[in-house]
mmCIF file of all heavy atoms, coordinates in Angstrom:
data_MODEL
# 
_entry.id   MODEL 
# 
loop_
_atom_site.group_PDB 
_atom_site.id 
_atom_site.type_symbol 
_atom_site.label_atom_id 
_atom_site.label_alt_id 
_atom_site.label_comp_id 
_atom_site.label_asym_id 
_atom_site.label_entity_id 
_atom_site.label_seq_id 
_atom_site.pdbx_PDB_ins_code 
_atom_site.Cartn_x 
_atom_site.Cartn_y 
_atom_site.Cartn_z 
_atom_site.occupancy 
_atom_site.B_iso_or_equiv 
_atom_site.pdbx_formal_charge 
_atom_site.auth_seq_id 
_atom_site.auth_comp_id 
_atom_site.auth_asym_id 
_atom_site.auth_atom_id 
_atom_site.pdbx_PDB_model_num 
ATOM 1   N N   . LEU A 1 1  ? 0.831  -1.211 0.000   1.00 0.00 ? 1  LEU A N   1 
ATOM 2   C CA  . LEU A 1 1  ? 0.000  0.000  0.000   1.00 0.00 ? 1  LEU A CA  1 
ATOM 3   C C   . LEU A 1 1  ? 0.863  1.259  0.000   1.00 0.00 ? 1  LEU A C   1 
ATOM 4   O O   . LEU A 1 1  ? 0.590  2.203  -0.742  1.00 0.00 ? 1  LEU A O   1 
ATOM 5   C CB  . LEU A 1 1  ? -0.918 0.015  1.227   1.00 0.00 ? 1  LEU A CB  1 
ATOM 6   C CG  . LEU A 1 1  ? -2.000 -1.040 1.282   1.00 0.00 ? 1  LEU A CG  1 
ATOM 7   C CD1 . LEU A 1 1  ? -2.701 -1.011 2.639   1.00 0.00 ? 1  LEU A CD1 1 
ATOM 8   C CD2 . LEU A 1 1  ? -3.015 -0.810 0.164   1.00 0.00 ? 1  LEU A CD2 1 
ATOM 9   N N   . ILE A 1 2  ? 1.905  1.254  0.823   1.00 0.00 ? 2  ILE A N   1 
ATOM 10  C CA  . ILE A 1 2  ? 2.711  2.471  0.877   1.00 0.00 ? 2  ILE A CA  1 
ATOM 11  C C   . ILE A 1 2  ? 3.603  2.631  -0.348  1.00 0.00 ? 2  ILE A C   1 
ATOM 12  O O   . ILE A 1 2  ? 3.951  3.751  -0.699  1.00 0.00 ? 2  ILE A O   1 
ATOM 13  C CB  . ILE A 1 2  ? 3.505  2.605  2.194   1.00 0.00 ? 2  ILE A CB  1 
ATOM 14  C CG1 . ILE A 1 2  ? 4.484  1.475  2.386   1.00 0.00 ? 2  ILE A CG1 1 
ATOM 15  C CG2 . ILE A 1 2  ? 2.592  2.764  3.378   1.00 0.00 ? 2  ILE A CG2 1 
ATOM 16  C CD1 . ILE A 1 2  ? 5.452  1.720  3.532   1.00 0.00 ? 2  ILE A CD1 1 
ATOM 17  N N   . LEU A 1 3  ? 3.938  1.532  -1.006  1.00 0.00 ? 3  LEU A N   1 
ATOM 18  C CA  . LEU A 1 3  ? 4.657  1.667  -2.282  1.00 0.00 ? 3  LEU A CA  1 
ATOM 19  C C   . LEU A 1 3  ? 3.780  2.365  -3.306  1.00 0.00 ? 3  LEU A C   1 
ATOM 20  O O   . LEU A 1 3  ? 4.249  3.212  -4.073  1.00 0.00 ? 3  LEU A O   1 
ATOM 21  C CB  . LEU A 1 3  ? 5.117  0.303  -2.788  1.00 0.00 ? 3  LEU A CB  1 
ATOM 22  C CG  . LEU A 1 3  ? 6.295  -0.313 -2.037  1.00 0.00 ? 3  LEU A CG  1 
ATOM 23  C CD1 . LEU A 1 3  ? 6.491  -1.770 -2.464  1.00 0.00 ? 3  LEU A CD1 1 
ATOM 24  C CD2 . LEU A 1 3  ? 7.550  0.500  -2.253  1.00 0.00 ? 3  LEU A CD2 1 
ATOM 25  N N   . GLY A 1 4  ? 2.501  2.030  -3.319  1.00 0.00 ? 4  GLY A N   1 
ATOM 26  C CA  . GLY A 1 4  ? 1.563  2.720  -4.206  1.00 0.00 ? 4  GLY A CA  1 
ATOM 27  C C   . GLY A 1 4  ? 1.418  4.186  -3.835  1.00 0.00 ? 4  GLY A C   1 
ATOM 28  O O   . GLY A 1 4  ? 1.376  5.064  -4.706  1.00 0.00 ? 4  GLY A O   1 
ATOM 29  N N   . ALA A 1 5  ? 1.368  4.468  -2.529  1.00 0.00 ? 5  ALA A N   1 
ATOM 30  C CA  . ALA A 1 5  ? 1.279  5.857  -2.068  1.00 0.00 ? 5  ALA A CA  1 
ATOM 31  C C   . ALA A 1 5  ? 2.530  6.635  -2.439  1.00 0.00 ? 5  ALA A C   1 
ATOM 32  O O   . ALA A 1 5  ? 2.450  7.798  -2.850  1.00 0.00 ? 5  ALA A O   1 
ATOM 33  C CB  . ALA A 1 5  ? 1.065  5.887  -0.554  1.00 0.00 ? 5  ALA A CB  1 
ATOM 34  N N   . GLN A 1 6  ? 3.685  5.991  -2.329  1.00 0.00 ? 6  GLN A N   1 
ATOM 35  C CA  . GLN A 1 6  ? 4.938  6.644  -2.705  1.00 0.00 ? 6  GLN A CA  1 
ATOM 36  C C   . GLN A 1 6  ? 4.905  7.052  -4.180  1.00 0.00 ? 6  GLN A C   1 
ATOM 37  O O   . GLN A 1 6  ? 5.318  8.155  -4.535  1.00 0.00 ? 6  GLN A O   1 
ATOM 38  C CB  . GLN A 1 6  ? 6.122  5.721  -2.434  1.00 0.00 ? 6  GLN A CB  1 
ATOM 39  C CG  . GLN A 1 6  ? 7.455  6.328  -2.838  1.00 0.00 ? 6  GLN A CG  1 
ATOM 40  C CD  . GLN A 1 6  ? 8.584  5.316  -2.843  1.00 0.00 ? 6  GLN A CD  1 
ATOM 41  O OE1 . GLN A 1 6  ? 8.396  4.161  -3.227  1.00 0.00 ? 6  GLN A OE1 1 
ATOM 42  N NE2 . GLN A 1 6  ? 9.742  5.741  -2.403  1.00 0.00 ? 6  GLN A NE2 1 
ATOM 43  N N   . GLN A 1 7  ? 4.404  6.178  -5.036  1.00 0.00 ? 7  GLN A N   1 
ATOM 44  C CA  . GLN A 1 7  ? 4.327  6.490  -6.460  1.00 0.00 ? 7  GLN A CA  1 
ATOM 45  C C   . GLN A 1 7  ? 3.387  7.659  -6.726  1.00 0.00 ? 7  GLN A C   1 
ATOM 46  O O   . GLN A 1 7  ? 3.694  8.555  -7.506  1.00 0.00 ? 7  GLN A O   1 
ATOM 47  C CB  . GLN A 1 7  ? 3.883  5.271  -7.266  1.00 0.00 ? 7  GLN A CB  1 
ATOM 48  C CG  . GLN A 1 7  ? 3.846  5.518  -8.758  1.00 0.00 ? 7  GLN A CG  1 
ATOM 49  C CD  . GLN A 1 7  ? 5.192  5.946  -9.316  1.00 0.00 ? 7  GLN A CD  1 
ATOM 50  O OE1 . GLN A 1 7  ? 6.179  5.243  -9.149  1.00 0.00 ? 7  GLN A OE1 1 
ATOM 51  N NE2 . GLN A 1 7  ? 5.247  7.099  -9.968  1.00 0.00 ? 7  GLN A NE2 1 
ATOM 52  N N   . ARG A 1 8  ? 2.246  7.662  -6.053  1.00 0.00 ? 8  ARG A N   1 
ATOM 53  C CA  . ARG A 1 8  ? 1.293  8.767  -6.230  1.00 0.00 ? 8  ARG A CA  1 
ATOM 54  C C   . ARG A 1 8  ? 1.882  10.090 -5.745  1.00 0.00 ? 8  ARG A C   1 
ATOM 55  O O   . ARG A 1 8  ? 1.681  11.133 -6.363  1.00 0.00 ? 8  ARG A O   1 
ATOM 56  C CB  . ARG A 1 8  ? -0.018 8.463  -5.523  1.00 0.00 ? 8  ARG A CB  1 
ATOM 57  C CG  . ARG A 1 8  ? -0.757 7.297  -6.196  1.00 0.00 ? 8  ARG A CG  1 
ATOM 58  C CD  . ARG A 1 8  ? -2.090 7.056  -5.607  1.00 0.00 ? 8  ARG A CD  1 
ATOM 59  N NE  . ARG A 1 8  ? -3.003 8.090  -6.108  1.00 0.00 ? 8  ARG A NE  1 
ATOM 60  C CZ  . ARG A 1 8  ? -4.286 8.098  -5.854  1.00 0.00 ? 8  ARG A CZ  1 
ATOM 61  N NH1 . ARG A 1 8  ? -4.827 7.144  -5.143  1.00 0.00 ? 8  ARG A NH1 1 
ATOM 62  N NH2 . ARG A 1 8  ? -5.051 9.050  -6.324  1.00 0.00 ? 8  ARG A NH2 1 
ATOM 63  N N   . LEU A 1 9  ? 2.612  10.034 -4.630  1.00 0.00 ? 9  LEU A N   1 
ATOM 64  C CA  . LEU A 1 9  ? 3.267  11.244 -4.140  1.00 0.00 ? 9  LEU A CA  1 
ATOM 65  C C   . LEU A 1 9  ? 4.344  11.712 -5.120  1.00 0.00 ? 9  LEU A C   1 
ATOM 66  O O   . LEU A 1 9  ? 4.466  12.908 -5.394  1.00 0.00 ? 9  LEU A O   1 
ATOM 67  C CB  . LEU A 1 9  ? 3.884  10.994 -2.762  1.00 0.00 ? 9  LEU A CB  1 
ATOM 68  C CG  . LEU A 1 9  ? 2.887  10.852 -1.611  1.00 0.00 ? 9  LEU A CG  1 
ATOM 69  C CD1 . LEU A 1 9  ? 3.569  10.272 -0.380  1.00 0.00 ? 9  LEU A CD1 1 
ATOM 70  C CD2 . LEU A 1 9  ? 2.237  12.189 -1.294  1.00 0.00 ? 9  LEU A CD2 1 
ATOM 71  N N   . ALA A 1 10 ? 5.126  10.769 -5.649  1.00 0.00 ? 10 ALA A N   1 
ATOM 72  C CA  . ALA A 1 10 ? 6.165  11.112 -6.621  1.00 0.00 ? 10 ALA A CA  1 
ATOM 73  C C   . ALA A 1 10 ? 5.550  11.772 -7.852  1.00 0.00 ? 10 ALA A C   1 
ATOM 74  O O   . ALA A 1 10 ? 6.120  12.730 -8.397  1.00 0.00 ? 10 ALA A O   1 
ATOM 75  C CB  . ALA A 1 10 ? 6.957  9.866  -7.013  1.00 0.00 ? 10 ALA A CB  1 
ATOM 76  N N   . ASP A 1 11 ? 4.395  11.286 -8.288  1.00 0.00 ? 11 ASP A N   1 
ATOM 77  C CA  . ASP A 1 11 ? 3.707  11.878 -9.439  1.00 0.00 ? 11 ASP A CA  1 
ATOM 78  C C   . ASP A 1 11 ? 3.331  13.334 -9.174  1.00 0.00 ? 11 ASP A C   1 
ATOM 79  O O   . ASP A 1 11 ? 3.173  14.118 -10.111 1.00 0.00 ? 11 ASP A O   1 
ATOM 80  C CB  . ASP A 1 11 ? 2.443  11.082 -9.786  1.00 0.00 ? 11 ASP A CB  1 
ATOM 81  C CG  . ASP A 1 11 ? 2.751  9.699  -10.336 1.00 0.00 ? 11 ASP A CG  1 
ATOM 82  O OD1 . ASP A 1 11 ? 3.913  9.431  -10.721 1.00 0.00 ? 11 ASP A OD1 1 
ATOM 83  O OD2 . ASP A 1 11 ? 1.813  8.861  -10.358 1.00 0.00 ? 11 ASP A OD2 1 
ATOM 84  N N   . GLN A 1 12 ? 3.196  13.683 -7.880  1.00 0.00 ? 12 GLN A N   1 
ATOM 85  C CA  . GLN A 1 12 ? 2.851  15.057 -7.489  1.00 0.00 ? 12 GLN A CA  1 
ATOM 86  C C   . GLN A 1 12 ? 4.088  15.849 -7.070  1.00 0.00 ? 12 GLN A C   1 
ATOM 87  O O   . GLN A 1 12 ? 3.976  16.959 -6.546  1.00 0.00 ? 12 GLN A O   1 
ATOM 88  C CB  . GLN A 1 12 ? 1.831  15.034 -6.355  1.00 0.00 ? 12 GLN A CB  1 
ATOM 89  C CG  . GLN A 1 12 ? 0.520  14.401 -6.743  1.00 0.00 ? 12 GLN A CG  1 
ATOM 90  C CD  . GLN A 1 12 ? -0.419 14.288 -5.556  1.00 0.00 ? 12 GLN A CD  1 
ATOM 91  O OE1 . GLN A 1 12 ? -0.324 15.017 -4.581  1.00 0.00 ? 12 GLN A OE1 1 
ATOM 92  N NE2 . GLN A 1 12 ? -1.360 13.359 -5.645  1.00 0.00 ? 12 GLN A NE2 1 
ATOM 93  N N   . GLY A 1 13 ? 5.275  15.264 -7.279  1.00 0.00 ? 13 GLY A N   1 
ATOM 94  C CA  . GLY A 1 13 ? 6.513  15.954 -6.950  1.00 0.00 ? 13 GLY A CA  1 
ATOM 95  C C   . GLY A 1 13 ? 6.920  15.887 -5.490  1.00 0.00 ? 13 GLY A C   1 
ATOM 96  O O   . GLY A 1 13 ? 7.758  16.668 -5.040  1.00 0.00 ? 13 GLY A O   1 
ATOM 97  N N   . VAL A 1 14 ? 6.330  14.963 -4.736  1.00 0.00 ? 14 VAL A N   1 
ATOM 98  C CA  . VAL A 1 14 ? 6.651  14.822 -3.316  1.00 0.00 ? 14 VAL A CA  1 
ATOM 99  C C   . VAL A 1 14 ? 7.550  13.598 -3.128  1.00 0.00 ? 14 VAL A C   1 
ATOM 100 O O   . VAL A 1 14 ? 7.172  12.482 -3.480  1.00 0.00 ? 14 VAL A O   1 
ATOM 101 C CB  . VAL A 1 14 ? 5.369  14.658 -2.459  1.00 0.00 ? 14 VAL A CB  1 
ATOM 102 C CG1 . VAL A 1 14 ? 5.715  14.446 -0.999  1.00 0.00 ? 14 VAL A CG1 1 
ATOM 103 C CG2 . VAL A 1 14 ? 4.454  15.858 -2.642  1.00 0.00 ? 14 VAL A CG2 1 
ATOM 104 N N   . ALA A 1 15 ? 8.729  13.832 -2.571  1.00 0.00 ? 15 ALA A N   1 
ATOM 105 C CA  . ALA A 1 15 ? 9.657  12.726 -2.309  1.00 0.00 ? 15 ALA A CA  1 
ATOM 106 C C   . ALA A 1 15 ? 9.260  12.012 -1.020  1.00 0.00 ? 15 ALA A C   1 
ATOM 107 O O   . ALA A 1 15 ? 8.947  12.661 -0.021  1.00 0.00 ? 15 ALA A O   1 
ATOM 108 C CB  . ALA A 1 15 ? 11.079 13.258 -2.187  1.00 0.00 ? 15 ALA A CB  1 
ATOM 109 N N   . ALA A 1 16 ? 9.266  10.691 -1.069  1.00 0.00 ? 16 ALA A N   1 
ATOM 110 C CA  . ALA A 1 16 ? 8.931  9.892  0.118   1.00 0.00 ? 16 ALA A CA  1 
ATOM 111 C C   . ALA A 1 16 ? 9.792  8.638  0.122   1.00 0.00 ? 16 ALA A C   1 
ATOM 112 O O   . ALA A 1 16 ? 10.021 8.033  -0.915  1.00 0.00 ? 16 ALA A O   1 
ATOM 113 C CB  . ALA A 1 16 ? 7.451  9.520  0.114   1.00 0.00 ? 16 ALA A CB  1 
ATOM 114 N N   . ARG A 1 17 ? 10.229 8.277  1.298   1.00 0.00 ? 17 ARG A N   1 
ATOM 115 C CA  . ARG A 1 17 ? 11.016 7.057  1.492   1.00 0.00 ? 17 ARG A CA  1 
ATOM 116 C C   . ARG A 1 17 ? 10.111 6.000  2.123   1.00 0.00 ? 17 ARG A C   1 
ATOM 117 O O   . ARG A 1 17 ? 9.409  6.265  3.084   1.00 0.00 ? 17 ARG A O   1 
ATOM 118 C CB  . ARG A 1 17 ? 12.182 7.329  2.431   1.00 0.00 ? 17 ARG A CB  1 
ATOM 119 C CG  . ARG A 1 17 ? 13.005 6.075  2.733   1.00 0.00 ? 17 ARG A CG  1 
ATOM 120 C CD  . ARG A 1 17 ? 13.967 6.264  3.883   1.00 0.00 ? 17 ARG A CD  1 
ATOM 121 N NE  . ARG A 1 17 ? 14.991 7.224  3.554   1.00 0.00 ? 17 ARG A NE  1 
ATOM 122 C CZ  . ARG A 1 17 ? 15.976 7.559  4.393   1.00 0.00 ? 17 ARG A CZ  1 
ATOM 123 N NH1 . ARG A 1 17 ? 16.053 7.014  5.584   1.00 0.00 ? 17 ARG A NH1 1 
ATOM 124 N NH2 . ARG A 1 17 ? 16.872 8.438  4.027   1.00 0.00 ? 17 ARG A NH2 1 
ATOM 125 N N   . VAL A 1 18 ? 10.160 4.798  1.571   1.00 0.00 ? 18 VAL A N   1 
ATOM 126 C CA  . VAL A 1 18 ? 9.393  3.676  2.112   1.00 0.00 ? 18 VAL A CA  1 
ATOM 127 C C   . VAL A 1 18 ? 10.294 2.867  3.035   1.00 0.00 ? 18 VAL A C   1 
ATOM 128 O O   . VAL A 1 18 ? 11.421 2.514  2.668   1.00 0.00 ? 18 VAL A O   1 
ATOM 129 C CB  . VAL A 1 18 ? 8.836  2.775  0.989   1.00 0.00 ? 18 VAL A CB  1 
ATOM 130 C CG1 . VAL A 1 18 ? 8.265  1.488  1.551   1.00 0.00 ? 18 VAL A CG1 1 
ATOM 131 C CG2 . VAL A 1 18 ? 7.776  3.526  0.199   1.00 0.00 ? 18 VAL A CG2 1 
ATOM 132 N N   . ILE A 1 19 ? 9.799  2.591  4.223   1.00 0.00 ? 19 ILE A N   1 
ATOM 133 C CA  . ILE A 1 19 ? 10.529 1.790  5.196   1.00 0.00 ? 19 ILE A CA  1 
ATOM 134 C C   . ILE A 1 19 ? 9.676  0.599  5.588   1.00 0.00 ? 19 ILE A C   1 
ATOM 135 O O   . ILE A 1 19 ? 8.557  0.759  6.067   1.00 0.00 ? 19 ILE A O   1 
ATOM 136 C CB  . ILE A 1 19 ? 10.877 2.620  6.447   1.00 0.00 ? 19 ILE A CB  1 
ATOM 137 C CG1 . ILE A 1 19 ? 11.825 3.756  6.059   1.00 0.00 ? 19 ILE A CG1 1 
ATOM 138 C CG2 . ILE A 1 19 ? 11.507 1.752  7.530   1.00 0.00 ? 19 ILE A CG2 1 
ATOM 139 C CD1 . ILE A 1 19 ? 11.471 5.049  6.645   1.00 0.00 ? 19 ILE A CD1 1 
ATOM 140 N N   . SER A 1 20 ? 10.211 -0.587 5.354   1.00 0.00 ? 20 SER A N   1 
ATOM 141 C CA  . SER A 1 20 ? 9.559  -1.818 5.804   1.00 0.00 ? 20 SER A CA  1 
ATOM 142 C C   . SER A 1 20 ? 10.127 -2.143 7.175   1.00 0.00 ? 20 SER A C   1 
ATOM 143 O O   . SER A 1 20 ? 11.333 -2.328 7.329   1.00 0.00 ? 20 SER A O   1 
ATOM 144 C CB  . SER A 1 20 ? 9.851  -2.954 4.824   1.00 0.00 ? 20 SER A CB  1 
ATOM 145 O OG  . SER A 1 20 ? 9.333  -4.170 5.344   1.00 0.00 ? 20 SER A OG  1 
ATOM 146 N N   . MET A 1 21 ? 9.258  -2.187 8.186   1.00 0.00 ? 21 MET A N   1 
ATOM 147 C CA  . MET A 1 21 ? 9.704  -2.452 9.547   1.00 0.00 ? 21 MET A CA  1 
ATOM 148 C C   . MET A 1 21 ? 8.931  -3.670 10.073  1.00 0.00 ? 21 MET A C   1 
ATOM 149 O O   . MET A 1 21 ? 7.916  -3.533 10.748  1.00 0.00 ? 21 MET A O   1 
ATOM 150 C CB  . MET A 1 21 ? 9.476  -1.242 10.444  1.00 0.00 ? 21 MET A CB  1 
ATOM 151 C CG  . MET A 1 21 ? 10.123 -1.393 11.811  1.00 0.00 ? 21 MET A CG  1 
ATOM 152 S SD  . MET A 1 21 ? 9.880  0.018  12.908  1.00 0.00 ? 21 MET A SD  1 
ATOM 153 C CE  . MET A 1 21 ? 10.695 1.329  12.046  1.00 0.00 ? 21 MET A CE  1 
ATOM 154 N N   . PRO A 1 22 ? 9.414  -4.869 9.750   1.00 0.00 ? 22 PRO A N   1 
ATOM 155 C CA  . PRO A 1 22 ? 8.697  -6.075 10.161  1.00 0.00 ? 22 PRO A CA  1 
ATOM 156 C C   . PRO A 1 22 ? 8.777  -6.369 11.657  1.00 0.00 ? 22 PRO A C   1 
ATOM 157 O O   . PRO A 1 22 ? 7.958  -7.126 12.167  1.00 0.00 ? 22 PRO A O   1 
ATOM 158 C CB  . PRO A 1 22 ? 9.359  -7.179 9.348   1.00 0.00 ? 22 PRO A CB  1 
ATOM 159 C CG  . PRO A 1 22 ? 10.702 -6.658 8.998   1.00 0.00 ? 22 PRO A CG  1 
ATOM 160 C CD  . PRO A 1 22 ? 10.555 -5.165 8.901   1.00 0.00 ? 22 PRO A CD  1 
ATOM 161 N N   . SER A 1 23 ? 9.747  -5.770 12.361  1.00 0.00 ? 23 SER A N   1 
ATOM 162 C CA  . SER A 1 23 ? 9.872  -6.045 13.798  1.00 0.00 ? 23 SER A CA  1 
ATOM 163 C C   . SER A 1 23 ? 10.353 -4.804 14.531  1.00 0.00 ? 23 SER A C   1 
ATOM 164 O O   . SER A 1 23 ? 11.486 -4.365 14.340  1.00 0.00 ? 23 SER A O   1 
ATOM 165 C CB  . SER A 1 23 ? 10.866 -7.187 14.041  1.00 0.00 ? 23 SER A CB  1 
ATOM 166 O OG  . SER A 1 23 ? 11.149 -7.306 15.429  1.00 0.00 ? 23 SER A OG  1 
ATOM 167 N N   . TRP A 1 24 ? 9.492  -4.263 15.388  1.00 0.00 ? 24 TRP A N   1 
ATOM 168 C CA  . TRP A 1 24 ? 9.899  -3.124 16.212  1.00 0.00 ? 24 TRP A CA  1 
ATOM 169 C C   . TRP A 1 24 ? 11.022 -3.534 17.150  1.00 0.00 ? 24 TRP A C   1 
ATOM 170 O O   . TRP A 1 24 ? 11.958 -2.775 17.365  1.00 0.00 ? 24 TRP A O   1 
ATOM 171 C CB  . TRP A 1 24 ? 8.739  -2.616 17.054  1.00 0.00 ? 24 TRP A CB  1 
ATOM 172 C CG  . TRP A 1 24 ? 7.573  -2.100 16.296  1.00 0.00 ? 24 TRP A CG  1 
ATOM 173 C CD1 . TRP A 1 24 ? 7.566  -1.562 15.042  1.00 0.00 ? 24 TRP A CD1 1 
ATOM 174 C CD2 . TRP A 1 24 ? 6.238  -2.063 16.748  1.00 0.00 ? 24 TRP A CD2 1 
ATOM 175 N NE1 . TRP A 1 24 ? 6.291  -1.192 14.695  1.00 0.00 ? 24 TRP A NE1 1 
ATOM 176 C CE2 . TRP A 1 24 ? 5.448  -1.486 15.735  1.00 0.00 ? 24 TRP A CE2 1 
ATOM 177 C CE3 . TRP A 1 24 ? 5.606  -2.457 17.921  1.00 0.00 ? 24 TRP A CE3 1 
ATOM 178 C CZ2 . TRP A 1 24 ? 4.092  -1.289 15.853  1.00 0.00 ? 24 TRP A CZ2 1 
ATOM 179 C CZ3 . TRP A 1 24 ? 4.241  -2.262 18.043  1.00 0.00 ? 24 TRP A CZ3 1 
ATOM 180 C CH2 . TRP A 1 24 ? 3.494  -1.687 17.017  1.00 0.00 ? 24 TRP A CH2 1 
# 
């Protein structure tokens, strides 16, 4: 889901980093 959100943000010129955190 957040990979899709990252792409949509990038399309709007917003840089975003995706972090997968499987274990706190």
